[in-house]
């Protein structure tokens, strides 16, 4: 049997040409598609939102938003399909919203597994000087005196402004552990109160403060170096959240912080994600290191509020890692 090489070559070229559109589509599986994105109304989550938005755009998606929503409004909107996703879920803190979105939206991947901590921190020098382990130690006269910066006879605690969820929990701790005569929770503006506490620490004074992570505070006052997490007391009749384990920046392991550790996670509409396997694969693959979030939060607190530029810079500095995530997304779309 003989072959017409010209016809055979032409057939090969035609076959190769027919593959070009498929390959191009794989590079941009979101071409012609739109993602309606939300972000949290706490600005410490905007950096992550911008990174994910820019990665979606690299996959060819048009992204509208992210619109800024509170947790309750987001879970209602994502359950109705008014928005497709956000990357600012906090679980188990947001378990209270599950009845709103279960069966209509789901957690998909993790931005920071176990990275959302909350609790009380004390400067490391005071930990060592006074052997501070729990909030109960602030009932001791010498400890109260060392942390009393306004002269009212109580240790000053940078707490949370009225209306914040953490303010309710802190007030509950003050009551449950009989700390009203020992600790003075400062409920003024959080950023200003923390700036005052940091200045006091830099002047050699002792400080006690509440914070959460990711947050700019733990970039300026590094746990394990400058400060340590302390525990709430274990008291009969008081039910505590499960302790954090393996936290070497706490005075104890496991560490009863009084607040449950949370995963920061994407939450996506079910119908949207079933139609967009590339987004699903990206959410499953990607995560943001906590130190990067701390550093950006600190820069933002110091006045650099160009979050999109900060996100772009992080992607550029971690391009090989990001490219690997994007390749997994493209492969899932083939």
Protein backbone atom coordinates (compact mmCIF):
# COMPACT_ATOMS: atom_id res chain seq x y z
CA UNK A 1 0.00 0.00 0.00
CA UNK A 2 1.28 3.47 -0.86
CA UNK A 3 0.49 6.81 0.80
CA UNK A 4 0.12 10.24 -0.74
CA UNK A 5 2.50 12.10 1.57
CA UNK A 6 1.01 15.47 0.62
CA UNK A 7 -2.49 14.34 1.60
CA UNK A 8 -1.16 12.72 4.80
CA UNK A 9 0.70 15.90 5.81
CA UNK A 10 -2.36 17.99 5.09
CA UNK A 11 -4.45 15.70 7.28
CA UNK A 12 -1.95 16.05 10.12
CA UNK A 13 -1.98 19.84 9.83
CA UNK A 14 -5.78 19.90 9.79
CA UNK A 15 -5.89 17.69 12.87
CA UNK A 16 -3.39 19.87 14.68
CA UNK A 17 -5.32 23.00 13.78
CA UNK A 18 -8.50 21.49 15.21
CA UNK A 19 -6.76 21.19 18.59
CA UNK A 20 -5.86 24.87 18.90
CA UNK A 21 -9.22 26.17 20.17
CA UNK A 22 -9.34 23.46 22.86
CA UNK A 23 -5.83 24.26 24.05
CA UNK A 24 -6.59 27.97 24.10
CA UNK A 25 -9.76 27.34 26.10
CA UNK A 26 -7.81 25.27 28.61
CA UNK A 27 -5.52 28.23 29.21
CA UNK A 28 -8.52 30.44 29.95
CA UNK A 29 -11.36 28.17 31.11
CA UNK A 30 -13.23 31.21 32.39
CA UNK A 31 -13.37 32.93 29.02
CA UNK A 32 -16.86 34.41 28.59
CA UNK A 33 -17.85 33.63 32.19
CA UNK A 34 -18.39 35.96 35.14
CA UNK A 35 -17.79 35.47 38.86
CA UNK A 36 -19.80 37.65 41.22
CA UNK A 37 -17.52 37.87 44.24
CA UNK A 38 -17.96 39.18 47.79
CA UNK A 39 -15.47 40.10 50.50
CA UNK A 40 -15.86 40.49 54.25
CA UNK A 41 -16.61 43.79 55.95
CA UNK A 42 -13.47 43.27 58.11
CA UNK A 43 -10.56 44.68 56.14
CA UNK A 44 -8.05 42.08 57.37
CA UNK A 45 -9.65 39.72 54.82
CA UNK A 46 -9.34 41.96 51.76
CA UNK A 47 -5.79 40.91 50.86
CA UNK A 48 -6.82 37.28 50.42
CA UNK A 49 -9.89 38.32 48.43
CA UNK A 50 -7.74 40.32 46.01
CA UNK A 51 -5.25 37.48 45.51
CA UNK A 52 -8.03 35.05 44.62
CA UNK A 53 -9.74 37.60 42.38
CA UNK A 54 -6.55 38.11 40.39
CA UNK A 55 -6.05 34.36 40.03
CA UNK A 56 -9.63 33.99 38.74
CA UNK A 57 -8.86 36.70 36.19
CA UNK A 58 -5.71 34.82 35.14
CA UNK A 59 -8.04 31.92 34.30
CA UNK A 60 -10.01 34.22 32.00
CA UNK A 61 -12.97 34.98 34.25
CA UNK A 62 -14.52 38.42 34.46
CA UNK A 63 -14.86 39.16 38.18
CA UNK A 64 -17.42 41.65 39.43
CA UNK A 65 -16.73 43.04 42.86
CA UNK A 66 -15.78 41.96 45.34
CA UNK A 67 -18.72 43.64 47.02
CA UNK A 68 -18.24 44.15 50.75
CA UNK A 69 -20.74 42.26 52.91
CA UNK A 70 -21.18 41.24 56.51
CA UNK A 71 -21.32 37.53 57.27
CA UNK A 72 -25.11 37.31 57.61
CA UNK A 73 -25.70 39.19 54.34
CA UNK A 74 -23.15 37.08 52.46
CA UNK A 75 -24.54 33.71 53.48
CA UNK A 76 -28.03 34.83 52.51
CA UNK A 77 -26.78 36.12 49.17
CA UNK A 78 -24.68 33.06 48.30
CA UNK A 79 -27.56 30.73 49.16
CA UNK A 80 -29.78 32.64 46.72
CA UNK A 81 -27.15 32.79 43.98
CA UNK A 82 -26.89 36.58 44.16
CA UNK A 83 -23.15 36.15 44.71
CA UNK A 84 -21.03 33.17 43.72
CA UNK A 85 -18.39 33.04 46.44
CA UNK A 86 -16.08 34.65 48.95
CA UNK A 87 -12.84 33.48 50.58
CA UNK A 88 -13.60 34.97 54.02
CA UNK A 89 -15.51 32.18 55.75
CA UNK A 90 -14.57 31.55 59.39
CA UNK A 91 -15.53 28.10 60.67
CA UNK A 92 -16.69 27.02 63.19
CA UNK A 93 -17.46 30.68 64.07
CA UNK A 94 -19.82 30.89 61.08
CA UNK A 95 -21.55 27.60 61.87
CA UNK A 96 -24.45 29.71 63.07
CA UNK A 97 -25.19 30.51 59.40
CA UNK A 98 -25.22 26.91 58.18
CA UNK A 99 -28.99 26.68 58.28
CA UNK A 100 -29.05 29.58 55.81
CA UNK A 101 -26.80 28.06 53.15
CA UNK A 102 -26.62 24.28 53.61
CA UNK A 103 -27.74 22.50 50.45
CA UNK A 104 -27.19 25.68 48.43
CA UNK A 105 -23.52 26.53 49.09
CA UNK A 106 -20.50 24.84 50.60
CA UNK A 107 -17.03 25.30 52.05
CA UNK A 108 -14.47 24.55 49.32
CA UNK A 109 -10.76 24.38 50.18
CA UNK A 110 -8.99 26.48 52.81
CA UNK A 111 -7.25 29.85 52.67
CA UNK A 112 -5.62 29.27 56.08
CA UNK A 113 -6.26 26.02 57.96
CA UNK A 114 -6.53 26.68 61.69
CA UNK A 115 -5.09 30.13 61.12
CA UNK A 116 -7.83 32.21 62.70
CA UNK A 117 -6.97 32.37 66.37
CA UNK A 118 -8.44 34.62 69.05
CA UNK A 119 -7.34 35.20 72.59
CA UNK A 120 -5.30 37.16 75.12
CA UNK A 121 -1.62 38.01 74.88
CA UNK A 122 0.89 39.32 77.42
CA UNK A 123 4.38 40.67 76.85
CA UNK A 124 6.96 37.93 77.24
CA UNK A 125 8.96 39.80 79.88
CA UNK A 126 5.92 39.87 82.19
CA UNK A 127 5.24 36.18 81.55
CA UNK A 128 8.72 35.41 82.82
CA UNK A 129 8.76 37.96 85.67
CA UNK A 130 5.37 37.11 87.16
CA UNK A 131 4.90 33.51 85.91
CA UNK A 132 1.61 34.45 84.24
CA UNK A 133 -0.37 31.48 82.92
CA UNK A 134 -4.06 32.50 82.89
CA UNK A 135 -6.31 35.52 83.35
CA UNK A 136 -6.64 34.47 87.00
CA UNK A 137 -3.08 35.66 87.59
CA UNK A 138 -4.29 39.23 87.14
CA UNK A 139 -6.06 38.95 90.49
CA UNK A 140 -2.65 39.00 92.17
CA UNK A 141 -1.87 42.52 93.51
CA UNK A 142 1.63 42.69 92.04
CA UNK A 143 0.35 41.72 88.59
CA UNK A 144 -2.53 44.21 88.68
CA UNK A 145 -0.10 46.96 89.64
CA UNK A 146 2.34 46.08 86.86
CA UNK A 147 -0.38 46.33 84.19
CA UNK A 148 -2.24 49.35 85.61
CA UNK A 149 -1.46 52.17 83.20
CA UNK A 150 -4.31 54.53 84.15
CA UNK A 151 -4.07 54.33 87.93
CA UNK A 152 -7.48 52.77 88.65
CA UNK A 153 -6.02 49.80 90.52
CA UNK A 154 -6.82 47.30 87.75
CA UNK A 155 -4.79 45.74 84.95
CA UNK A 156 -5.57 47.38 81.63
CA UNK A 157 -6.76 45.08 78.85
CA UNK A 158 -7.07 46.25 75.25
CA UNK A 159 -10.46 44.70 74.50
CA UNK A 160 -13.06 45.25 71.76
CA UNK A 161 -15.47 48.12 71.03
CA UNK A 162 -19.16 47.64 71.86
CA UNK A 163 -21.03 45.70 69.18
CA UNK A 164 -18.12 43.48 68.17
CA UNK A 165 -18.61 39.75 68.69
CA UNK A 166 -15.38 39.58 70.70
CA UNK A 167 -16.65 42.28 73.07
CA UNK A 168 -19.50 40.00 74.11
CA UNK A 169 -17.16 37.08 74.74
CA UNK A 170 -14.67 39.18 76.70
CA UNK A 171 -17.46 40.56 78.87
CA UNK A 172 -18.61 36.99 79.46
CA UNK A 173 -15.09 35.99 80.52
CA UNK A 174 -14.88 38.92 82.93
CA UNK A 175 -18.09 37.72 84.57
CA UNK A 176 -17.47 33.96 84.49
CA UNK A 177 -14.01 34.23 86.02
CA UNK A 178 -14.81 37.03 88.52
CA UNK A 179 -12.32 39.43 86.97
CA UNK A 180 -14.28 42.66 87.43
CA UNK A 181 -12.03 43.87 90.27
CA UNK A 182 -8.84 42.75 88.54
CA UNK A 183 -9.05 43.79 84.89
CA UNK A 184 -10.23 46.95 83.16
CA UNK A 185 -11.33 46.15 79.56
CA UNK A 186 -10.61 49.15 77.32
CA UNK A 187 -13.45 49.33 74.80
CA UNK A 188 -12.40 52.38 72.82
CA UNK A 189 -11.38 52.20 69.14
CA UNK A 190 -9.32 49.05 68.76
CA UNK A 191 -6.58 50.35 66.46
CA UNK A 192 -5.96 53.43 68.59
CA UNK A 193 -5.92 51.39 71.80
CA UNK A 194 -3.49 48.88 70.32
CA UNK A 195 -1.24 51.65 69.03
CA UNK A 196 -1.14 53.04 72.58
CA UNK A 197 -0.32 49.58 73.98
CA UNK A 198 2.47 49.03 71.44
CA UNK A 199 3.99 52.41 72.35
CA UNK A 200 3.81 51.43 76.03
CA UNK A 201 5.54 48.12 75.27
CA UNK A 202 8.29 49.91 73.36
CA UNK A 203 8.78 52.10 76.45
CA UNK A 204 9.34 49.02 78.59
CA UNK A 205 5.84 48.77 80.11
CA UNK A 206 3.83 45.57 80.43
CA UNK A 207 0.76 45.04 78.22
CA UNK A 208 -2.29 42.76 78.09
CA UNK A 209 -4.43 42.70 74.98
CA UNK A 210 -6.98 40.71 73.01
CA UNK A 211 -6.38 40.06 69.34
CA UNK A 212 -7.32 37.74 66.52
CA UNK A 213 -5.36 36.39 63.57
CA UNK A 214 -4.78 37.29 60.82
CA UNK A 215 -4.23 40.80 62.18
CA UNK A 216 -1.59 43.51 61.96
CA UNK A 217 -0.94 43.29 65.72
CA UNK A 218 0.89 39.96 65.47
CA UNK A 219 3.21 41.39 62.84
CA UNK A 220 4.27 44.22 65.15
CA UNK A 221 4.20 42.13 68.34
CA UNK A 222 5.35 38.66 67.33
CA UNK A 223 3.97 35.76 69.41
CA UNK A 224 6.84 33.76 70.84
CA UNK A 225 9.25 36.67 70.54
CA UNK A 226 7.55 39.76 71.96
CA UNK A 227 4.38 38.32 73.46
CA UNK A 228 2.76 34.99 74.40
CA UNK A 229 -0.80 33.74 74.30
CA UNK A 230 -2.16 33.02 77.79
CA UNK A 231 -5.06 30.83 78.85
CA UNK A 232 -8.44 31.50 80.38
CA UNK A 233 -8.89 29.66 83.70
CA UNK A 234 -10.38 26.18 83.77
CA UNK A 235 -13.23 26.60 86.24
CA UNK A 236 -15.85 24.11 87.34
CA UNK A 237 -19.20 24.96 85.78
CA UNK A 238 -17.69 26.99 82.92
CA UNK A 239 -17.66 25.23 79.56
CA UNK A 240 -14.69 26.20 77.42
CA UNK A 241 -14.11 25.85 73.68
CA UNK A 242 -11.73 23.11 72.63
CA UNK A 243 -8.11 24.11 73.21
CA UNK A 244 -5.63 24.87 70.47
CA UNK A 245 -3.01 22.14 70.11
CA UNK A 246 0.60 22.44 69.04
CA UNK A 247 0.65 26.21 69.58
CA UNK A 248 4.22 26.81 70.73
CA UNK A 249 3.55 30.53 71.18
CA UNK A 250 1.20 29.84 74.12
CA UNK A 251 2.20 29.34 77.77
CA UNK A 252 0.62 25.86 77.65
CA UNK A 253 -0.06 23.10 75.15
CA UNK A 254 -2.90 22.42 74.66
CA UNK A 255 -3.88 26.07 75.11
CA UNK A 256 -7.33 27.00 76.47
CA UNK A 257 -7.65 30.37 74.73
CA UNK A 258 -11.32 30.93 75.52
CA UNK A 259 -12.07 31.21 71.81
CA UNK A 260 -12.22 28.39 69.31
CA UNK A 261 -9.59 28.29 66.54
CA UNK A 262 -11.10 28.84 63.10
CA UNK A 263 -10.31 27.82 59.54
CA UNK A 264 -10.45 30.66 57.00
CA UNK A 265 -12.16 29.15 53.99
CA UNK A 266 -13.83 29.87 50.65
CA UNK A 267 -17.62 29.40 50.54
CA UNK A 268 -19.16 28.92 47.10
CA UNK A 269 -22.62 28.56 45.61
CA UNK A 270 -23.32 24.90 44.68
CA UNK A 271 -24.71 25.58 41.20
CA UNK A 272 -21.83 27.89 40.34
CA UNK A 273 -19.10 25.52 41.44
CA UNK A 274 -20.63 22.52 39.65
CA UNK A 275 -20.45 24.53 36.41
CA UNK A 276 -16.88 25.72 37.04
CA UNK A 277 -14.49 22.85 37.79
CA UNK A 278 -11.50 25.14 37.22
CA UNK A 279 -12.58 27.36 40.14
CA UNK A 280 -13.18 24.29 42.28
CA UNK A 281 -9.68 22.97 41.54
CA UNK A 282 -8.10 26.35 42.27
CA UNK A 283 -9.89 26.69 45.60
CA UNK A 284 -8.80 23.20 46.55
CA UNK A 285 -5.16 23.90 45.67
CA UNK A 286 -4.54 27.46 46.85
CA UNK A 287 -3.74 28.80 50.32
CA UNK A 288 -2.12 31.96 51.68
CA UNK A 289 0.67 31.77 54.31
CA UNK A 290 -0.30 33.48 57.55
CA UNK A 291 2.90 35.55 57.80
CA UNK A 292 2.07 37.14 54.43
CA UNK A 293 -1.38 38.11 55.71
CA UNK A 294 0.09 39.49 58.94
CA UNK A 295 2.60 41.61 57.02
CA UNK A 296 -0.03 43.02 54.66
CA UNK A 297 -2.40 43.78 57.54
CA UNK A 298 0.41 45.64 59.27
CA UNK A 299 1.25 47.65 56.14
CA UNK A 300 -2.43 48.51 55.70
CA UNK A 301 -2.69 49.62 59.31
CA UNK A 302 0.33 51.88 58.71
CA UNK A 303 -1.43 53.63 55.83
CA UNK A 304 -0.62 51.53 52.74
CA UNK A 305 -4.18 50.76 51.67
CA UNK A 306 -3.53 49.74 48.04
CA UNK A 307 -4.65 46.17 48.65
CA UNK A 308 -4.75 45.19 44.96
CA UNK A 309 -1.14 46.28 44.46
CA UNK A 310 -0.09 44.35 47.58
CA UNK A 311 -1.86 41.25 46.27
CA UNK A 312 -0.22 41.63 42.85
CA UNK A 313 3.19 41.95 44.49
CA UNK A 314 2.61 38.79 46.53
CA UNK A 315 1.59 36.87 43.40
CA UNK A 316 4.67 38.14 41.56
CA UNK A 317 6.96 37.11 44.42
CA UNK A 318 5.35 33.65 44.54
CA UNK A 319 4.76 33.18 40.82
CA UNK A 320 5.97 29.56 40.60
CA UNK A 321 3.62 28.54 43.41
CA UNK A 322 0.67 30.41 41.90
CA UNK A 323 1.38 29.01 38.43
CA UNK A 324 1.20 25.52 39.89
CA UNK A 325 -2.26 26.24 41.31
CA UNK A 326 -3.41 27.71 38.00
CA UNK A 327 -2.17 24.67 36.07
CA UNK A 328 -4.23 22.41 38.32
CA UNK A 329 -7.26 24.60 37.61
CA UNK A 330 -6.69 24.47 33.87
CA UNK A 331 -6.20 20.72 33.93
CA UNK A 332 -9.53 20.29 35.74
CA UNK A 333 -11.31 22.20 32.98
CA UNK A 334 -10.07 19.97 30.14
